[in-house]
């Protein structure tokens, strides 16, 4: 029953920052580990970051480690992805999704995606 909706994407200059939000509806996200994925034009979908339901465990892809930060606020039913030091290579459609705990692999519930474009 859970539905996910992303927001916060847009156009940003290289070196800039954006914060993406993922809000759950229908079912509280407290029970779900959530991941952020992205797909750039001509490239395969890749996992960016994942967080456990209690925020105790996180995962970051090497490409974003040190630049992106995942967090969540279960009382607000939201998961965030803070993106700093953005580069054109970060340009992609970003999705949030339910994931398996410990593996950062999707379970099948996806948001609609939000476009992030990094360009000067």
PDB file of N, CA and C in Angstrom:
ATOM      1  N   UNK A   1       0.808  -1.206   0.000  1.00  0.00           N
ATOM      2  CA  UNK A   1       0.000   0.000   0.000  1.00  0.00           C
ATOM      3  C   UNK A   1       0.846   1.263   0.000  1.00  0.00           C
ATOM      4  N   UNK A   2       2.128   1.138   0.315  1.00  0.00           N
ATOM      5  CA  UNK A   2       2.977   2.316   0.424  1.00  0.00           C
ATOM      6  C   UNK A   2       3.191   2.934  -0.948  1.00  0.00           C
ATOM      7  N   UNK A   3       3.182   4.251  -0.987  1.00  0.00           N
ATOM      8  CA  UNK A   3       3.511   5.019  -2.175  1.00  0.00           C
ATOM      9  C   UNK A   3       4.612   6.006  -1.824  1.00  0.00           C
ATOM     10  N   UNK A   4       5.495   6.253  -2.774  1.00  0.00           N
ATOM     11  CA  UNK A   4       6.621   7.137  -2.567  1.00  0.00           C
ATOM     12  C   UNK A   4       6.599   8.248  -3.606  1.00  0.00           C
ATOM     13  N   UNK A   5       6.877   9.464  -3.168  1.00  0.00           N
ATOM     14  CA  UNK A   5       6.905  10.614  -4.052  1.00  0.00           C
ATOM     15  C   UNK A   5       8.163  11.420  -3.772  1.00  0.00           C
ATOM     16  N   UNK A   6       8.972  11.632  -4.816  1.00  0.00           N
ATOM     17  CA  UNK A   6      10.196  12.406  -4.687  1.00  0.00           C
ATOM     18  C   UNK A   6       9.945  13.867  -5.048  1.00  0.00           C
ATOM     19  N   UNK A   7      10.763  14.731  -4.485  1.00  0.00           N
ATOM     20  CA  UNK A   7      10.734  16.137  -4.839  1.00  0.00           C
ATOM     21  C   UNK A   7      12.099  16.743  -4.547  1.00  0.00           C
ATOM     22  N   UNK A   8      12.324  17.944  -5.042  1.00  0.00           N
ATOM     23  CA  UNK A   8      13.548  18.659  -4.755  1.00  0.00           C
ATOM     24  C   UNK A   8      14.538  18.732  -5.888  1.00  0.00           C
ATOM     25  N   UNK A   9      14.276  18.045  -6.980  1.00  0.00           N
ATOM     26  CA  UNK A   9      15.178  18.102  -8.108  1.00  0.00           C
ATOM     27  C   UNK A   9      15.112  19.444  -8.809  1.00  0.00           C
ATOM     28  N   UNK A  10      16.047  19.651  -9.715  1.00  0.00           N
ATOM     29  CA  UNK A  10      16.087  20.891 -10.452  1.00  0.00           C
ATOM     30  C   UNK A  10      17.416  21.087 -11.128  1.00  0.00           C
ATOM     31  N   UNK A  11      17.638  22.299 -11.574  1.00  0.00           N
ATOM     32  CA  UNK A  11      18.879  22.682 -12.250  1.00  0.00           C
ATOM     33  C   UNK A  11      19.803  23.370 -11.258  1.00  0.00           C
ATOM     34  N   UNK A  12      21.043  22.927 -11.212  1.00  0.00           N
ATOM     35  CA  UNK A  12      22.005  23.490 -10.280  1.00  0.00           C
ATOM     36  C   UNK A  12      23.363  23.598 -10.960  1.00  0.00           C
ATOM     37  N   UNK A  13      24.146  24.586 -10.564  1.00  0.00           N
ATOM     38  CA  UNK A  13      25.486  24.772 -11.093  1.00  0.00           C
ATOM     39  C   UNK A  13      26.448  23.744 -10.517  1.00  0.00           C
ATOM     40  N   UNK A  14      27.479  23.368 -11.271  1.00  0.00           N
ATOM     41  CA  UNK A  14      28.500  22.493 -10.698  1.00  0.00           C
ATOM     42  C   UNK A  14      29.059  23.065  -9.406  1.00  0.00           C
ATOM     43  N   UNK A  15      29.244  22.200  -8.437  1.00  0.00           N
ATOM     44  CA  UNK A  15      29.687  22.625  -7.127  1.00  0.00           C
ATOM     45  C   UNK A  15      28.566  23.003  -6.182  1.00  0.00           C
ATOM     46  N   UNK A  16      27.362  23.081  -6.698  1.00  0.00           N
ATOM     47  CA  UNK A  16      26.217  23.446  -5.892  1.00  0.00           C
ATOM     48  C   UNK A  16      25.634  22.279  -5.131  1.00  0.00           C
ATOM     49  N   UNK A  17      24.516  22.544  -4.483  1.00  0.00           N
ATOM     50  CA  UNK A  17      23.881  21.548  -3.632  1.00  0.00           C
ATOM     51  C   UNK A  17      22.385  21.482  -3.889  1.00  0.00           C
ATOM     52  N   UNK A  18      21.832  20.323  -3.652  1.00  0.00           N
ATOM     53  CA  UNK A  18      20.403  20.100  -3.677  1.00  0.00           C
ATOM     54  C   UNK A  18      20.057  19.102  -2.585  1.00  0.00           C
ATOM     55  N   UNK A  19      18.850  19.194  -2.089  1.00  0.00           N
ATOM     56  CA  UNK A  19      18.342  18.214  -1.148  1.00  0.00           C
ATOM     57  C   UNK A  19      17.072  17.603  -1.712  1.00  0.00           C
ATOM     58  N   UNK A  20      17.089  16.307  -1.898  1.00  0.00           N
ATOM     59  CA  UNK A  20      15.934  15.587  -2.381  1.00  0.00           C
ATOM     60  C   UNK A  20      15.137  15.038  -1.207  1.00  0.00           C
ATOM     61  N   UNK A  21      13.831  14.986  -1.385  1.00  0.00           N
ATOM     62  CA  UNK A  21      12.951  14.450  -0.368  1.00  0.00           C
ATOM     63  C   UNK A  21      12.110  13.328  -0.946  1.00  0.00           C
ATOM     64  N   UNK A  22      11.838  12.355  -0.121  1.00  0.00           N
ATOM     65  CA  UNK A  22      10.980  11.236  -0.483  1.00  0.00           C
ATOM     66  C   UNK A  22       9.961  11.086   0.631  1.00  0.00           C
ATOM     67  N   UNK A  23       8.702  11.251   0.299  1.00  0.00           N
ATOM     68  CA  UNK A  23       7.648  11.156   1.291  1.00  0.00           C
ATOM     69  C   UNK A  23       6.803   9.921   1.017  1.00  0.00           C
ATOM     70  N   UNK A  24       6.474   9.214   2.069  1.00  0.00           N
ATOM     71  CA  UNK A  24       5.641   8.041   1.950  1.00  0.00           C
ATOM     72  C   UNK A  24       4.194   8.355   2.253  1.00  0.00           C
ATOM     73  N   UNK A  25       3.315   7.643   1.611  1.00  0.00           N
ATOM     74  CA  UNK A  25       1.885   7.757   1.875  1.00  0.00           C
ATOM     75  C   UNK A  25       1.264   6.376   1.826  1.00  0.00           C
ATOM     76  N   UNK A  26       0.123   6.257   2.449  1.00  0.00           N
ATOM     77  CA  UNK A  26      -0.568   4.977   2.482  1.00  0.00           C
ATOM     78  C   UNK A  26      -0.155   4.123   3.662  1.00  0.00           C
ATOM     79  N   UNK A  27       1.135   3.959   3.833  1.00  0.00           N
ATOM     80  CA  UNK A  27       1.699   3.186   4.933  1.00  0.00           C
ATOM     81  C   UNK A  27       2.891   3.940   5.487  1.00  0.00           C
ATOM     82  N   UNK A  28       3.037   3.951   6.783  1.00  0.00           N
ATOM     83  CA  UNK A  28       4.187   4.587   7.404  1.00  0.00           C
ATOM     84  C   UNK A  28       5.475   3.917   6.954  1.00  0.00           C
ATOM     85  N   UNK A  29       6.503   4.713   6.762  1.00  0.00           N
ATOM     86  CA  UNK A  29       7.783   4.203   6.300  1.00  0.00           C
ATOM     87  C   UNK A  29       8.643   3.632   7.415  1.00  0.00           C
ATOM     88  N   UNK A  30       8.166   3.674   8.627  1.00  0.00           N
ATOM     89  CA  UNK A  30       8.946   3.210   9.771  1.00  0.00           C
ATOM     90  C   UNK A  30       9.481   1.798   9.590  1.00  0.00           C
ATOM     91  N   UNK A  31       8.753   0.967   8.875  1.00  0.00           N
ATOM     92  CA  UNK A  31       9.114  -0.437   8.731  1.00  0.00           C
ATOM     93  C   UNK A  31       9.997  -0.718   7.527  1.00  0.00           C
ATOM     94  N   UNK A  32      10.297   0.299   6.743  1.00  0.00           N
ATOM     95  CA  UNK A  32      10.976   0.088   5.477  1.00  0.00           C
ATOM     96  C   UNK A  32      12.362   0.699   5.444  1.00  0.00           C
ATOM     97  N   UNK A  33      13.314  -0.068   4.950  1.00  0.00           N
ATOM     98  CA  UNK A  33      14.569   0.519   4.507  1.00  0.00           C
ATOM     99  C   UNK A  33      14.327   1.188   3.157  1.00  0.00           C
ATOM    100  N   UNK A  34      14.935   2.344   2.941  1.00  0.00           N
ATOM    101  CA  UNK A  34      14.702   3.139   1.742  1.00  0.00           C
ATOM    102  C   UNK A  34      16.026   3.411   1.042  1.00  0.00           C
ATOM    103  N   UNK A  35      15.987   3.368  -0.264  1.00  0.00           N
ATOM    104  CA  UNK A  35      17.165   3.673  -1.049  1.00  0.00           C
ATOM    105  C   UNK A  35      16.900   4.754  -2.078  1.00  0.00           C
ATOM    106  N   UNK A  36      17.973   5.444  -2.446  1.00  0.00           N
ATOM    107  CA  UNK A  36      17.949   6.383  -3.556  1.00  0.00           C
ATOM    108  C   UNK A  36      18.707   5.765  -4.716  1.00  0.00           C
ATOM    109  N   UNK A  37      18.107   5.818  -5.884  1.00  0.00           N
ATOM    110  CA  UNK A  37      18.699   5.310  -7.108  1.00  0.00           C
ATOM    111  C   UNK A  37      18.694   6.412  -8.151  1.00  0.00           C
ATOM    112  N   UNK A  38      19.527   6.268  -9.149  1.00  0.00           N
ATOM    113  CA  UNK A  38      19.529   7.246 -10.220  1.00  0.00           C
ATOM    114  C   UNK A  38      19.806   6.564 -11.549  1.00  0.00           C
ATOM    115  N   UNK A  39      19.309   7.174 -12.593  1.00  0.00           N
ATOM    116  CA  UNK A  39      19.549   6.684 -13.935  1.00  0.00           C
ATOM    117  C   UNK A  39      19.830   7.868 -14.849  1.00  0.00           C
ATOM    118  N   UNK A  40      21.017   7.890 -15.388  1.00  0.00           N
ATOM    119  CA  UNK A  40      21.432   8.931 -16.312  1.00  0.00           C
ATOM    120  C   UNK A  40      21.158   8.489 -17.740  1.00  0.00           C
ATOM    121  N   UNK A  41      21.045   9.441 -18.672  1.00  0.00           N
ATOM    122  CA  UNK A  41      20.802   9.076 -20.069  1.00  0.00           C
ATOM    123  C   UNK A  41      21.861   8.119 -20.597  1.00  0.00           C
ATOM    124  N   UNK A  42      21.420   7.020 -21.180  1.00  0.00           N
ATOM    125  CA  UNK A  42      22.319   6.054 -21.755  1.00  0.00           C
ATOM    126  C   UNK A  42      23.032   5.158 -20.764  1.00  0.00           C
ATOM    127  N   UNK A  43      22.696   5.256 -19.500  1.00  0.00           N
ATOM    128  CA  UNK A  43      23.346   4.450 -18.481  1.00  0.00           C
ATOM    129  C   UNK A  43      22.336   3.629 -17.705  1.00  0.00           C
ATOM    130  N   UNK A  44      22.829   2.590 -17.062  1.00  0.00           N
ATOM    131  CA  UNK A  44      21.979   1.741 -16.254  1.00  0.00           C
ATOM    132  C   UNK A  44      21.667   2.392 -14.919  1.00  0.00           C
ATOM    133  N   UNK A  45      20.567   1.977 -14.339  1.00  0.00           N
ATOM    134  CA  UNK A  45      20.206   2.446 -13.015  1.00  0.00           C
ATOM    135  C   UNK A  45      21.233   1.996 -11.993  1.00  0.00           C
ATOM    136  N   UNK A  46      21.565   2.863 -11.069  1.00  0.00           N
ATOM    137  CA  UNK A  46      22.518   2.518 -10.035  1.00  0.00           C
ATOM    138  C   UNK A  46      22.013   2.954  -8.670  1.00  0.00           C
ATOM    139  N   UNK A  47      22.385   2.198  -7.670  1.00  0.00           N
ATOM    140  CA  UNK A  47      22.072   2.563  -6.300  1.00  0.00           C
ATOM    141  C   UNK A  47      22.998   3.683  -5.858  1.00  0.00           C
ATOM    142  N   UNK A  48      22.428   4.696  -5.253  1.00  0.00           N
ATOM    143  CA  UNK A  48      23.183   5.841  -4.774  1.00  0.00           C
ATOM    144  C   UNK A  48      23.432   5.746  -3.281  1.00  0.00           C
ATOM    145  N   UNK A  49      22.366   5.515  -2.534  1.00  0.00           N
ATOM    146  CA  UNK A  49      22.459   5.475  -1.083  1.00  0.00           C
ATOM    147  C   UNK A  49      21.242   4.777  -0.516  1.00  0.00           C
ATOM    148  N   UNK A  50      21.422   4.100   0.606  1.00  0.00           N
ATOM    149  CA  UNK A  50      20.322   3.429   1.281  1.00  0.00           C
ATOM    150  C   UNK A  50      20.424   3.655   2.776  1.00  0.00           C
ATOM    151  N   UNK A  51      19.280   3.572   3.438  1.00  0.00           N
ATOM    152  CA  UNK A  51      19.230   3.766   4.877  1.00  0.00           C
ATOM    153  C   UNK A  51      18.237   2.792   5.479  1.00  0.00           C
ATOM    154  N   UNK A  52      18.589   2.235   6.616  1.00  0.00           N
ATOM    155  CA  UNK A  52      17.717   1.291   7.287  1.00  0.00           C
ATOM    156  C   UNK A  52      16.540   2.013   7.922  1.00  0.00           C
ATOM    157  N   UNK A  53      15.571   1.242   8.366  1.00  0.00           N
ATOM    158  CA  UNK A  53      14.347   1.846   8.891  1.00  0.00           C
ATOM    159  C   UNK A  53      14.578   2.675  10.137  1.00  0.00           C
ATOM    160  N   UNK A  54      15.580   2.315  10.919  1.00  0.00           N
ATOM    161  CA  UNK A  54      15.879   3.044  12.146  1.00  0.00           C
ATOM    162  C   UNK A  54      17.101   3.946  12.019  1.00  0.00           C
ATOM    163  N   UNK A  55      17.582   4.156  10.808  1.00  0.00           N
ATOM    164  CA  UNK A  55      18.739   4.995  10.503  1.00  0.00           C
ATOM    165  C   UNK A  55      20.047   4.428  11.030  1.00  0.00           C
ATOM    166  N   UNK A  56      20.035   3.193  11.492  1.00  0.00           N
ATOM    167  CA  UNK A  56      21.229   2.612  12.069  1.00  0.00           C
ATOM    168  C   UNK A  56      22.283   2.200  11.060  1.00  0.00           C
ATOM    169  N   UNK A  57      21.873   1.956   9.834  1.00  0.00           N
ATOM    170  CA  UNK A  57      22.787   1.503   8.797  1.00  0.00           C
ATOM    171  C   UNK A  57      22.573   2.314   7.531  1.00  0.00           C
ATOM    172  N   UNK A  58      23.670   2.713   6.921  1.00  0.00           N
ATOM    173  CA  UNK A  58      23.615   3.455   5.667  1.00  0.00           C
ATOM    174  C   UNK A  58      24.602   2.877   4.676  1.00  0.00           C
ATOM    175  N   UNK A  59      24.331   3.127   3.417  1.00  0.00           N
ATOM    176  CA  UNK A  59      25.193   2.707   2.328  1.00  0.00           C
ATOM    177  C   UNK A  59      25.337   3.862   1.355  1.00  0.00           C
ATOM    178  N   UNK A  60      26.542   4.033   0.830  1.00  0.00           N
ATOM    179  CA  UNK A  60      26.785   5.029  -0.197  1.00  0.00           C
ATOM    180  C   UNK A  60      27.603   4.422  -1.323  1.00  0.00           C
ATOM    181  N   UNK A  61      27.201   4.708  -2.533  1.00  0.00           N
ATOM    182  CA  UNK A  61      28.020   4.334  -3.676  1.00  0.00           C
ATOM    183  C   UNK A  61      29.332   5.109  -3.635  1.00  0.00           C
ATOM    184  N   UNK A  62      30.383   4.490  -4.127  1.00  0.00           N
ATOM    185  CA  UNK A  62      31.686   5.145  -4.108  1.00  0.00           C
ATOM    186  C   UNK A  62      31.670   6.494  -4.834  1.00  0.00           C
ATOM    187  N   UNK A  63      30.858   6.602  -5.859  1.00  0.00           N
ATOM    188  CA  UNK A  63      30.818   7.822  -6.648  1.00  0.00           C
ATOM    189  C   UNK A  63      30.280   9.015  -5.868  1.00  0.00           C
ATOM    190  N   UNK A  64      29.527   8.762  -4.809  1.00  0.00           N
ATOM    191  CA  UNK A  64      28.915   9.858  -4.064  1.00  0.00           C
ATOM    192  C   UNK A  64      29.395   9.934  -2.632  1.00  0.00           C
ATOM    193  N   UNK A  65      30.190   8.985  -2.207  1.00  0.00           N
ATOM    194  CA  UNK A  65      30.656   8.943  -0.828  1.00  0.00           C
ATOM    195  C   UNK A  65      31.428  10.218  -0.483  1.00  0.00           C
ATOM    196  N   UNK A  66      31.064  10.809   0.632  1.00  0.00           N
ATOM    197  CA  UNK A  66      31.689  12.044   1.057  1.00  0.00           C
ATOM    198  C   UNK A  66      31.014  13.285   0.543  1.00  0.00           C
ATOM    199  N   UNK A  67      30.116  13.134  -0.431  1.00  0.00           N
ATOM    200  CA  UNK A  67      29.416  14.283  -1.001  1.00  0.00           C
ATOM    201  C   UNK A  67      27.919  14.254  -0.702  1.00  0.00           C
ATOM    202  N   UNK A  68      27.351  13.064  -0.633  1.00  0.00           N
ATOM    203  CA  UNK A  68      25.918  12.905  -0.388  1.00  0.00           C
ATOM    204  C   UNK A  68      25.694  12.382   1.021  1.00  0.00           C
ATOM    205  N   UNK A  69      24.569  12.760   1.603  1.00  0.00           N
ATOM    206  CA  UNK A  69      24.196  12.300   2.924  1.00  0.00           C
ATOM    207  C   UNK A  69      22.733  11.895   2.926  1.00  0.00           C
ATOM    208  N   UNK A  70      22.469  10.676   3.348  1.00  0.00           N
ATOM    209  CA  UNK A  70      21.101  10.200   3.440  1.00  0.00           C
ATOM    210  C   UNK A  70      20.636  10.279   4.894  1.00  0.00           C
ATOM    211  N   UNK A  71      19.389  10.635   5.080  1.00  0.00           N
ATOM    212  CA  UNK A  71      18.821  10.713   6.413  1.00  0.00           C
ATOM    213  C   UNK A  71      17.323  10.480   6.320  1.00  0.00           C
ATOM    214  N   UNK A  72      16.704  10.308   7.465  1.00  0.00           N
ATOM    215  CA  UNK A  72      15.262  10.113   7.455  1.00  0.00           C
ATOM    216  C   UNK A  72      14.641  10.656   8.725  1.00  0.00           C
ATOM    217  N   UNK A  73      13.371  10.994   8.614  1.00  0.00           N
ATOM    218  CA  UNK A  73      12.578  11.459   9.735  1.00  0.00           C
ATOM    219  C   UNK A  73      11.286  10.665   9.689  1.00  0.00           C
ATOM    220  N   UNK A  74      11.233   9.615  10.458  1.00  0.00           N
ATOM    221  CA  UNK A  74      10.075   8.724  10.393  1.00  0.00           C
ATOM    222  C   UNK A  74       8.798   9.383  10.903  1.00  0.00           C
ATOM    223  N   UNK A  75       8.928  10.343  11.808  1.00  0.00           N
ATOM    224  CA  UNK A  75       7.741  11.048  12.285  1.00  0.00           C
ATOM    225  C   UNK A  75       7.092  11.856  11.174  1.00  0.00           C
ATOM    226  N   UNK A  76       7.906  12.323  10.229  1.00  0.00           N
ATOM    227  CA  UNK A  76       7.384  13.041   9.072  1.00  0.00           C
ATOM    228  C   UNK A  76       7.178  12.126   7.875  1.00  0.00           C
ATOM    229  N   UNK A  77       7.529  10.863   8.025  1.00  0.00           N
ATOM    230  CA  UNK A  77       7.392   9.885   6.954  1.00  0.00           C
ATOM    231  C   UNK A  77       8.207  10.286   5.722  1.00  0.00           C
ATOM    232  N   UNK A  78       9.426  10.769   5.971  1.00  0.00           N
ATOM    233  CA  UNK A  78      10.255  11.280   4.889  1.00  0.00           C
ATOM    234  C   UNK A  78      11.680  10.756   4.960  1.00  0.00           C
ATOM    235  N   UNK A  79      12.283  10.650   3.802  1.00  0.00           N
ATOM    236  CA  UNK A  79      13.686  10.317   3.646  1.00  0.00           C
ATOM    237  C   UNK A  79      14.323  11.391   2.782  1.00  0.00           C
ATOM    238  N   UNK A  80      15.543  11.779   3.117  1.00  0.00           N
ATOM    239  CA  UNK A  80      16.201  12.873   2.429  1.00  0.00           C
ATOM    240  C   UNK A  80      17.522  12.412   1.820  1.00  0.00           C
ATOM    241  N   UNK A  81      17.928  13.092   0.785  1.00  0.00           N
ATOM    242  CA  UNK A  81      19.247  12.909   0.222  1.00  0.00           C
ATOM    243  C   UNK A  81      19.852  14.292   0.001  1.00  0.00           C
ATOM    244  N   UNK A  82      20.794  14.651   0.850  1.00  0.00           N
ATOM    245  CA  UNK A  82      21.503  15.907   0.700  1.00  0.00           C
ATOM    246  C   UNK A  82      22.677  15.691  -0.234  1.00  0.00           C
ATOM    247  N   UNK A  83      22.731  16.470  -1.292  1.00  0.00           N
ATOM    248  CA  UNK A  83      23.743  16.316  -2.318  1.00  0.00           C
ATOM    249  C   UNK A  83      24.578  17.583  -2.377  1.00  0.00           C
ATOM    250  N   UNK A  84      25.852  17.445  -2.100  1.00  0.00           N
ATOM    251  CA  UNK A  84      26.787  18.560  -2.120  1.00  0.00           C
ATOM    252  C   UNK A  84      27.850  18.331  -3.184  1.00  0.00           C
ATOM    253  N   UNK A  85      28.536  19.398  -3.548  1.00  0.00           N
ATOM    254  CA  UNK A  85      29.627  19.332  -4.525  1.00  0.00           C
ATOM    255  C   UNK A  85      29.198  18.609  -5.792  1.00  0.00           C
ATOM    256  N   UNK A  86      28.063  18.986  -6.303  1.00  0.00           N
ATOM    257  CA  UNK A  86      27.501  18.306  -7.462  1.00  0.00           C
ATOM    258  C   UNK A  86      28.338  18.544  -8.715  1.00  0.00           C
ATOM    259  N   UNK A  87      28.402  17.523  -9.550  1.00  0.00           N
ATOM    260  CA  UNK A  87      29.111  17.583 -10.815  1.00  0.00           C
ATOM    261  C   UNK A  87      28.159  17.198 -11.935  1.00  0.00           C
ATOM    262  N   UNK A  88      28.512  17.514 -13.185  1.00  0.00           N
ATOM    263  CA  UNK A  88      27.646  17.110 -14.295  1.00  0.00           C
ATOM    264  C   UNK A  88      27.387  15.608 -14.346  1.00  0.00           C
ATOM    265  N   UNK A  89      28.304  14.805 -13.817  1.00  0.00           N
ATOM    266  CA  UNK A  89      28.120  13.361 -13.797  1.00  0.00           C
ATOM    267  C   UNK A  89      27.004  12.921 -12.858  1.00  0.00           C
ATOM    268  N   UNK A  90      26.553  13.817 -12.008  1.00  0.00           N
ATOM    269  CA  UNK A  90      25.437  13.516 -11.122  1.00  0.00           C
ATOM    270  C   UNK A  90      24.088  13.741 -11.792  1.00  0.00           C
ATOM    271  N   UNK A  91      24.093  14.273 -12.997  1.00  0.00           N
ATOM    272  CA  UNK A  91      22.850  14.506 -13.717  1.00  0.00           C
ATOM    273  C   UNK A  91      22.142  13.183 -13.979  1.00  0.00           C
ATOM    274  N   UNK A  92      20.905  13.087 -13.539  1.00  0.00           N
ATOM    275  CA  UNK A  92      20.142  11.855 -13.679  1.00  0.00           C
ATOM    276  C   UNK A  92      18.743  12.078 -13.144  1.00  0.00           C
ATOM    277  N   UNK A  93      17.879  11.117 -13.397  1.00  0.00           N
ATOM    278  CA  UNK A  93      16.607  11.050 -12.700  1.00  0.00           C
ATOM    279  C   UNK A  93      16.832  10.257 -11.426  1.00  0.00           C
ATOM    280  N   UNK A  94      16.446  10.829 -10.315  1.00  0.00           N
ATOM    281  CA  UNK A  94      16.644  10.202  -9.020  1.00  0.00           C
ATOM    282  C   UNK A  94      15.331   9.634  -8.508  1.00  0.00           C
ATOM    283  N   UNK A  95      15.398   8.414  -8.028  1.00  0.00           N
ATOM    284  CA  UNK A  95      14.231   7.705  -7.527  1.00  0.00           C
ATOM    285  C   UNK A  95      14.471   7.247  -6.097  1.00  0.00           C
ATOM    286  N   UNK A  96      13.428   7.255  -5.293  1.00  0.00           N
ATOM    287  CA  UNK A  96      13.495   6.554  -4.026  1.00  0.00           C
ATOM    288  C   UNK A  96      12.681   5.270  -4.137  1.00  0.00           C
ATOM    289  N   UNK A  97      13.065   4.290  -3.354  1.00  0.00           N
ATOM    290  CA  UNK A  97      12.426   2.990  -3.440  1.00  0.00           C
ATOM    291  C   UNK A  97      12.607   2.232  -2.138  1.00  0.00           C
ATOM    292  N   UNK A  98      11.691   1.337  -1.865  1.00  0.00           N
ATOM    293  CA  UNK A  98      11.891   0.412  -0.754  1.00  0.00           C
ATOM    294  C   UNK A  98      12.994  -0.561  -1.138  1.00  0.00           C
ATOM    295  N   UNK A  99      13.827  -0.915  -0.176  1.00  0.00           N
ATOM    296  CA  UNK A  99      14.950  -1.806  -0.428  1.00  0.00           C
ATOM    297  C   UNK A  99      15.027  -2.864   0.657  1.00  0.00           C
ATOM    298  N   UNK A 100      15.760  -3.924   0.348  1.00  0.00           N
ATOM    299  CA  UNK A 100      16.012  -4.962   1.337  1.00  0.00           C
ATOM    300  C   UNK A 100      17.038  -4.465   2.335  1.00  0.00           C
ATOM    301  N   UNK A 101      16.794  -4.716   3.591  1.00  0.00           N
ATOM    302  CA  UNK A 101      17.757  -4.346   4.615  1.00  0.00           C
ATOM    303  C   UNK A 101      19.094  -5.037   4.386  1.00  0.00           C
ATOM    304  N   UNK A 102      20.146  -4.272   4.444  1.00  0.00           N
ATOM    305  CA  UNK A 102      21.486  -4.820   4.374  1.00  0.00           C
ATOM    306  C   UNK A 102      22.064  -4.976   2.991  1.00  0.00           C
ATOM    307  N   UNK A 103      21.237  -4.870   1.948  1.00  0.00           N
ATOM    308  CA  UNK A 103      21.730  -5.112   0.601  1.00  0.00           C
ATOM    309  C   UNK A 103      21.585  -3.934  -0.346  1.00  0.00           C
ATOM    310  N   UNK A 104      20.726  -2.985  -0.027  1.00  0.00           N
ATOM    311  CA  UNK A 104      20.451  -1.840  -0.893  1.00  0.00           C
ATOM    312  C   UNK A 104      19.938  -2.282  -2.265  1.00  0.00           C
ATOM    313  N   UNK A 105      19.194  -3.356  -2.281  1.00  0.00           N
ATOM    314  CA  UNK A 105      18.567  -3.822  -3.506  1.00  0.00           C
ATOM    315  C   UNK A 105      17.075  -3.550  -3.433  1.00  0.00           C
ATOM    316  N   UNK A 106      16.470  -3.108  -4.534  1.00  0.00           N
ATOM    317  CA  UNK A 106      15.068  -2.680  -4.487  1.00  0.00           C
ATOM    318  C   UNK A 106      14.106  -3.833  -4.265  1.00  0.00           C
ATOM    319  N   UNK A 107      13.018  -3.509  -3.573  1.00  0.00           N
ATOM    320  CA  UNK A 107      11.955  -4.471  -3.314  1.00  0.00           C
ATOM    321  C   UNK A 107      10.794  -4.328  -4.279  1.00  0.00           C
ATOM    322  N   UNK A 108      10.702  -3.217  -4.979  1.00  0.00           N
ATOM    323  CA  UNK A 108       9.674  -3.087  -5.989  1.00  0.00           C
ATOM    324  C   UNK A 108       8.735  -1.916  -5.870  1.00  0.00           C
ATOM    325  N   UNK A 109       8.816  -1.126  -4.810  1.00  0.00           N
ATOM    326  CA  UNK A 109       7.996   0.069  -4.673  1.00  0.00           C
ATOM    327  C   UNK A 109       8.860   1.278  -4.998  1.00  0.00           C
ATOM    328  N   UNK A 110       8.474   2.022  -6.011  1.00  0.00           N
ATOM    329  CA  UNK A 110       9.251   3.147  -6.520  1.00  0.00           C
ATOM    330  C   UNK A 110       8.454   4.428  -6.540  1.00  0.00           C
ATOM    331  N   UNK A 111       9.162   5.525  -6.383  1.00  0.00           N
ATOM    332  CA  UNK A 111       8.568   6.817  -6.637  1.00  0.00           C
ATOM    333  C   UNK A 111       8.601   7.125  -8.124  1.00  0.00           C
ATOM    334  N   UNK A 112       8.086   8.283  -8.493  1.00  0.00           N
ATOM    335  CA  UNK A 112       7.990   8.654  -9.900  1.00  0.00           C
ATOM    336  C   UNK A 112       9.282   9.228 -10.457  1.00  0.00           C
ATOM    337  N   UNK A 113      10.189   9.620  -9.597  1.00  0.00           N
ATOM    338  CA  UNK A 113      11.453  10.180 -10.013  1.00  0.00           C
ATOM    339  C   UNK A 113      11.447  11.695 -10.032  1.00  0.00           C
ATOM    340  N   UNK A 114      12.611  12.275  -9.799  1.00  0.00           N
ATOM    341  CA  UNK A 114      12.785  13.715  -9.885  1.00  0.00           C
ATOM    342  C   UNK A 114      14.092  14.003 -10.617  1.00  0.00           C
ATOM    343  N   UNK A 115      14.045  14.922 -11.558  1.00  0.00           N
ATOM    344  CA  UNK A 115      15.191  15.207 -12.413  1.00  0.00           C
ATOM    345  C   UNK A 115      16.180  16.120 -11.716  1.00  0.00           C
ATOM    346  N   UNK A 116      17.436  15.718 -11.721  1.00  0.00           N
ATOM    347  CA  UNK A 116      18.534  16.548 -11.240  1.00  0.00           C
ATOM    348  C   UNK A 116      19.452  16.827 -12.417  1.00  0.00           C
ATOM    349  N   UNK A 117      19.653  18.088 -12.718  1.00  0.00           N
ATOM    350  CA  UNK A 117      20.523  18.489 -13.810  1.00  0.00           C
ATOM    351  C   UNK A 117      21.603  19.408 -13.277  1.00  0.00           C
ATOM    352  N   UNK A 118      22.846  19.017 -13.472  1.00  0.00           N
ATOM    353  CA  UNK A 118      23.990  19.799 -13.027  1.00  0.00           C
ATOM    354  C   UNK A 118      24.687  20.326 -14.272  1.00  0.00           C
ATOM    355  N   UNK A 119      24.624  21.610 -14.472  1.00  0.00           N
ATOM    356  CA  UNK A 119      25.153  22.193 -15.701  1.00  0.00           C
ATOM    357  C   UNK A 119      25.494  23.656 -15.486  1.00  0.00           C
ATOM    358  N   UNK A 120      26.525  24.098 -16.178  1.00  0.00           N
ATOM    359  CA  UNK A 120      26.904  25.499 -16.173  1.00  0.00           C
ATOM    360  C   UNK A 120      26.555  26.168 -17.488  1.00  0.00           C
TER     361      UNK A 120
END
